[in-house]
C-alpha cells in the first residue's frame, strides 16, 4: 500500500487561437485497480490527432492487465503500445480524409507500487517535481542527438527540426516514425508531483515557477493561476494552453487511494 493519495486534475484555455486543438485526460484502469494514466496531446494540424490520442489511450489502458508486483518495463510497453497504435490510426485517418493529421504525445502511468513511467513525442512536456523542486523535465535533446547520429544531419539542421515537415517529431507524420523518449522513477512519496503541459503553457514559465505553483496549490488552484499568468505574459498572443497535474499528498487518515478529479 502506498503512503500517499493522489490529487489530480486537467485544465485548458483556448488562448488567442480560433479553436482548441489540445486534449488532456486522466484515466483509471478498468482491469488495473490503483493504476492511473494521465495523457496530454497537442493537435498540430487540428484537433483530430489529439482526439485520437485520448481515444486510443483509453482503449489500450482499459485492456491493460498489470503484473502482481512492480514492473516498470511493462508500464513502458503500455505507453509504447498507445503511441504505436495511435500513430497507425492517425495515418490511416489522414489517408481517408485526404488531409494531414498530426499530434504530440505525453503520457504518465502511476502504479500502486510507487512507480511512475512516462513517454513523450514532440513538443508537449512532462515535469517531475520533488517538494516543488524540478527533478526532471522532458525535452527534445535526445531527438536532436538522434537526428545528428542516426540521420547524420548537421547540428543546426537537427536543432531546427520543428520547422521541417520531414523531421517533425509527431504522431501521424507520414514521412518519419515517431521518436519516443521514455523515463521512470521508483519510490514515489508524498510531496512528489507531475505536470504534463502543451507549449502554450511551458513557453511562459521557468521550471522553478512551475514547481512552486504546483507545490503550493491544489491542482485546480494551480491550473487557474498558471492559465491566468500565461495569458498575462503572452500579451494576447498565446496559443492553446493545456495541462494535467498529478500530486501525491499525505493521506488524511493514514490510508492511500487514487482520486483523479478536476
Protein backbone atom coordinates (compact mmCIF):
# COMPACT_ATOMS: atom_id res chain seq x y z
CA UNK A 1 0.00 0.00 0.00
CA UNK A 2 1.38 3.40 -0.96
CA UNK A 3 1.89 6.09 1.69
CA UNK A 4 0.14 8.83 -0.25
CA UNK A 5 -3.07 9.71 -2.01
CA UNK A 6 -3.37 11.21 -5.45
CA UNK A 7 -4.86 14.61 -6.22
CA UNK A 8 -5.14 15.32 -9.93
CA UNK A 9 -6.90 17.43 -12.50
CA UNK A 10 -6.81 18.80 -16.02
CA UNK A 11 -7.37 22.30 -17.35
CA UNK A 12 -7.12 24.23 -20.60
CA UNK A 13 -7.62 27.62 -22.20
CA UNK A 14 -8.05 28.41 -25.87
CA UNK A 15 -5.67 31.41 -25.81
CA UNK A 16 -5.91 33.58 -28.90
CA UNK A 17 -6.45 30.65 -31.26
CA UNK A 18 -9.71 30.14 -33.21
CA UNK A 19 -10.13 26.63 -31.78
CA UNK A 20 -8.85 24.37 -29.03
CA UNK A 21 -6.60 21.66 -30.52
CA UNK A 22 -5.13 20.37 -27.23
CA UNK A 23 -6.60 17.50 -25.25
CA UNK A 24 -5.84 16.12 -21.77
CA UNK A 25 -7.40 13.36 -19.69
CA UNK A 26 -6.96 11.22 -16.59
CA UNK A 27 -7.95 7.55 -16.62
CA UNK A 28 -8.15 4.77 -14.05
CA UNK A 29 -7.54 1.21 -15.21
CA UNK A 30 -10.65 -0.87 -15.86
CA UNK A 31 -8.62 -4.03 -15.21
CA UNK A 32 -5.81 -2.43 -13.22
CA UNK A 33 -7.03 -1.21 -9.80
CA UNK A 34 -4.81 1.50 -8.32
CA UNK A 35 -3.23 2.47 -11.64
CA UNK A 36 -3.67 5.95 -13.10
CA UNK A 37 -2.90 7.17 -16.61
CA UNK A 38 -2.51 10.85 -17.48
CA UNK A 39 -2.38 11.78 -21.17
CA UNK A 40 -1.93 15.10 -22.97
CA UNK A 41 -1.76 15.81 -26.69
CA UNK A 42 -1.39 18.90 -28.84
CA UNK A 43 -3.16 18.56 -32.18
CA UNK A 44 -0.60 20.12 -34.53
CA UNK A 45 -2.87 20.27 -37.57
CA UNK A 46 -6.24 20.43 -35.83
CA UNK A 47 -7.96 18.58 -33.01
CA UNK A 48 -8.42 15.22 -34.78
CA UNK A 49 -4.99 13.88 -33.87
CA UNK A 50 -5.30 14.82 -30.20
CA UNK A 51 -8.79 13.31 -30.04
CA UNK A 52 -7.39 10.06 -31.41
CA UNK A 53 -4.61 10.05 -28.80
CA UNK A 54 -7.13 10.13 -25.96
CA UNK A 55 -9.44 7.58 -27.61
CA UNK A 56 -6.65 5.07 -28.18
CA UNK A 57 -5.14 5.67 -24.74
CA UNK A 58 -8.43 4.83 -23.07
CA UNK A 59 -8.93 1.69 -25.16
CA UNK A 60 -5.43 0.34 -24.59
CA UNK A 61 -5.44 1.19 -20.86
CA UNK A 62 -8.84 -0.46 -20.38
CA UNK A 63 -7.32 -3.70 -21.68
CA UNK A 64 -4.16 -3.45 -19.59
CA UNK A 65 -3.55 -6.21 -17.02
CA UNK A 66 -0.74 -5.39 -14.59
CA UNK A 67 1.75 -7.81 -13.12
CA UNK A 68 1.47 -8.91 -9.49
CA UNK A 69 4.28 -6.61 -8.42
CA UNK A 70 6.40 -3.70 -9.62
CA UNK A 71 7.11 -3.85 -13.35
CA UNK A 72 8.46 -0.69 -14.96
CA UNK A 73 9.16 -2.42 -18.28
CA UNK A 74 5.53 -3.49 -18.60
CA UNK A 75 4.31 0.06 -17.95
CA UNK A 76 6.74 1.43 -20.54
CA UNK A 77 5.46 -1.14 -23.03
CA UNK A 78 1.91 0.07 -22.34
CA UNK A 79 2.83 3.63 -23.30
CA UNK A 80 4.69 2.45 -26.40
CA UNK A 81 1.60 0.48 -27.42
CA UNK A 82 -0.57 3.58 -27.09
CA UNK A 83 1.87 5.59 -29.18
CA UNK A 84 2.26 2.94 -31.87
CA UNK A 85 -1.47 2.28 -32.26
CA UNK A 86 -2.32 5.97 -32.28
CA UNK A 87 0.33 6.72 -34.90
CA UNK A 88 -1.03 3.97 -37.16
CA UNK A 89 -4.66 5.02 -36.82
CA UNK A 90 -3.90 8.71 -37.37
CA UNK A 91 -2.04 7.91 -40.60
CA UNK A 92 -4.96 5.78 -41.81
CA UNK A 93 -7.46 8.52 -40.95
CA UNK A 94 -5.32 11.08 -42.76
CA UNK A 95 -5.35 8.99 -45.94
CA UNK A 96 -9.14 8.61 -45.75
CA UNK A 97 -9.65 12.31 -45.09
CA UNK A 98 -7.01 13.35 -47.62
CA UNK A 99 -5.63 15.70 -45.00
CA UNK A 100 -2.56 15.96 -42.78
CA UNK A 101 -3.28 14.90 -39.18
CA UNK A 102 -0.55 15.08 -36.55
CA UNK A 103 -0.29 15.34 -32.77
CA UNK A 104 2.21 15.40 -29.93
CA UNK A 105 2.01 12.93 -27.05
CA UNK A 106 2.96 12.87 -23.41
CA UNK A 107 1.75 10.13 -21.09
CA UNK A 108 2.33 9.18 -17.45
CA UNK A 109 1.41 5.97 -15.65
CA UNK A 110 1.41 5.67 -11.86
CA UNK A 111 1.25 2.26 -10.20
CA UNK A 112 0.17 1.34 -6.67
CA UNK A 113 3.74 0.08 -6.15
CA UNK A 114 5.20 3.59 -6.10
CA UNK A 115 6.30 3.61 -9.74
CA UNK A 116 5.96 6.35 -12.34
CA UNK A 117 6.68 5.76 -16.02
CA UNK A 118 6.35 8.36 -18.76
CA UNK A 119 6.84 8.72 -22.51
CA UNK A 120 6.68 11.64 -24.89
CA UNK A 121 6.78 12.52 -28.58
CA UNK A 122 7.03 16.12 -29.76
CA UNK A 123 6.82 19.49 -28.04
CA UNK A 124 4.47 18.71 -25.15
CA UNK A 125 6.35 18.29 -21.87
CA UNK A 126 6.35 16.40 -18.60
CA UNK A 127 7.84 17.81 -15.40
CA UNK A 128 8.58 15.83 -12.24
CA UNK A 129 8.85 17.82 -9.03
CA UNK A 130 10.05 16.80 -5.57
CA UNK A 131 8.69 19.12 -2.89
CA UNK A 132 8.41 21.86 -5.51
CA UNK A 133 11.89 21.47 -6.98
CA UNK A 134 12.19 20.34 -10.59
CA UNK A 135 13.81 16.90 -10.65
CA UNK A 136 13.21 16.26 -14.35
CA UNK A 137 11.87 17.95 -17.45
CA UNK A 138 11.40 16.19 -20.77
CA UNK A 139 12.70 17.89 -23.91
CA UNK A 140 13.89 17.19 -27.41
CA UNK A 141 17.63 16.88 -26.69
CA UNK A 142 17.53 13.11 -27.25
CA UNK A 143 15.71 13.56 -30.56
CA UNK A 144 18.21 16.16 -31.75
CA UNK A 145 21.07 13.80 -30.88
CA UNK A 146 19.24 11.01 -32.73
CA UNK A 147 18.98 13.18 -35.86
CA UNK A 148 22.69 14.02 -35.69
CA UNK A 149 23.93 10.48 -35.05
CA UNK A 150 21.39 8.29 -36.87
CA UNK A 151 20.24 10.57 -39.69
CA UNK A 152 23.67 12.26 -39.97
CA UNK A 153 22.15 15.73 -40.03
CA UNK A 154 24.27 18.82 -39.34
CA UNK A 155 23.66 20.03 -35.75
CA UNK A 156 21.96 23.26 -36.88
CA UNK A 157 19.55 21.38 -39.15
CA UNK A 158 18.75 18.92 -36.36
CA UNK A 159 18.03 21.70 -33.87
CA UNK A 160 15.65 23.34 -36.34
CA UNK A 161 13.62 20.16 -36.86
CA UNK A 162 10.36 21.83 -35.77
CA UNK A 163 10.44 23.87 -38.96
CA UNK A 164 10.71 20.83 -41.18
CA UNK A 165 7.75 18.66 -42.14
CA UNK A 166 10.19 15.86 -42.86
CA UNK A 167 11.85 15.94 -39.43
CA UNK A 168 8.93 17.00 -37.22
CA UNK A 169 8.61 14.51 -34.37
CA UNK A 170 4.87 13.83 -34.14
CA UNK A 171 2.32 11.05 -34.24
CA UNK A 172 0.84 10.82 -37.71
CA UNK A 173 3.90 12.12 -39.56
CA UNK A 174 3.82 10.01 -42.73
CA UNK A 175 7.41 10.95 -43.53
CA UNK A 176 9.02 9.72 -40.30
CA UNK A 177 8.27 7.30 -37.46
CA UNK A 178 7.85 8.95 -34.04
CA UNK A 179 10.92 9.10 -31.84
CA UNK A 180 9.80 8.10 -28.34
CA UNK A 181 11.60 9.23 -25.19
CA UNK A 182 10.76 7.34 -22.00
CA UNK A 183 11.67 7.64 -18.34
CA UNK A 184 10.77 6.22 -14.96
CA UNK A 185 11.03 6.80 -11.24
CA UNK A 186 10.51 4.42 -8.33
CA UNK A 187 9.86 5.11 -4.67
CA UNK A 188 7.17 7.75 -5.12
CA UNK A 189 6.23 9.60 -1.95
CA UNK A 190 4.06 12.41 -0.70
CA UNK A 191 5.49 15.69 -1.96
CA UNK A 192 6.14 14.37 -5.46
CA UNK A 193 4.15 15.85 -8.31
CA UNK A 194 3.92 15.78 -12.10
CA UNK A 195 2.89 18.36 -14.67
CA UNK A 196 2.02 17.46 -18.25
CA UNK A 197 1.55 20.52 -20.46
CA UNK A 198 1.47 21.87 -24.00
CA UNK A 199 3.85 24.52 -25.30
CA UNK A 200 1.15 27.14 -24.81
CA UNK A 201 1.93 26.82 -21.08
CA UNK A 202 5.59 25.90 -20.61
CA UNK A 203 6.79 28.57 -23.01
CA UNK A 204 5.95 31.28 -20.44
CA UNK A 205 7.40 29.80 -17.23
CA UNK A 206 10.67 28.74 -15.65
CA UNK A 207 10.97 25.30 -14.08
CA UNK A 208 11.13 26.91 -10.63
CA UNK A 209 7.91 28.85 -11.20
CA UNK A 210 6.00 25.78 -12.31
CA UNK A 211 7.28 23.78 -9.35
CA UNK A 212 6.39 26.47 -6.82
CA UNK A 213 2.84 26.93 -8.06
CA UNK A 214 2.24 23.19 -8.25
CA UNK A 215 3.59 22.59 -4.74
CA UNK A 216 1.66 25.37 -3.01
CA UNK A 217 -1.76 24.80 -4.53
CA UNK A 218 -4.31 22.12 -5.32
CA UNK A 219 -4.34 21.01 -8.98
CA UNK A 220 -7.38 23.19 -9.66
CA UNK A 221 -5.90 26.25 -7.96
CA UNK A 222 -2.54 25.74 -9.66
CA UNK A 223 -4.09 25.41 -13.12
CA UNK A 224 -6.13 28.57 -12.65
CA UNK A 225 -3.05 30.53 -11.57
CA UNK A 226 -0.94 29.22 -14.42
CA UNK A 227 -3.55 29.92 -17.08
CA UNK A 228 -4.09 33.44 -15.78
CA UNK A 229 -0.35 34.18 -15.70
CA UNK A 230 0.25 32.62 -19.14
CA UNK A 231 -2.46 34.85 -20.61
CA UNK A 232 -0.85 37.88 -18.99
CA UNK A 233 2.66 37.07 -20.19
CA UNK A 234 1.57 36.20 -23.72
CA UNK A 235 0.11 39.70 -24.10
CA UNK A 236 -2.78 38.39 -26.14
CA UNK A 237 -0.60 36.27 -28.41
CA UNK A 238 -0.68 32.96 -26.54
CA UNK A 239 -1.81 29.68 -28.08
CA UNK A 240 -3.82 26.82 -26.63
CA UNK A 241 -2.80 26.28 -23.01
CA UNK A 242 -3.44 22.81 -21.58
CA UNK A 243 -2.20 20.83 -18.61
CA UNK A 244 -2.68 17.81 -16.36
CA UNK A 245 -1.41 18.00 -12.79
CA UNK A 246 -0.86 14.94 -10.59
CA UNK A 247 0.12 15.49 -6.94
CA UNK A 248 0.99 12.93 -4.29
CA UNK A 249 -0.09 14.14 -0.86
CA UNK A 250 -0.22 12.79 2.67
CA UNK A 251 -3.35 10.69 3.22
CA UNK A 252 -5.83 12.30 5.59
CA UNK A 253 -6.10 9.30 7.93
CA UNK A 254 -3.17 7.11 7.04
CA UNK A 255 -4.93 5.50 4.07
CA UNK A 256 -3.93 5.64 0.42
CA UNK A 257 -6.05 5.86 -2.64
CA UNK A 258 -6.09 7.28 -6.12
CA UNK A 259 -8.54 10.09 -6.69
CA UNK A 260 -8.14 11.63 -10.13
CA UNK A 261 -10.54 14.52 -10.35
CA UNK A 262 -10.77 18.02 -11.71
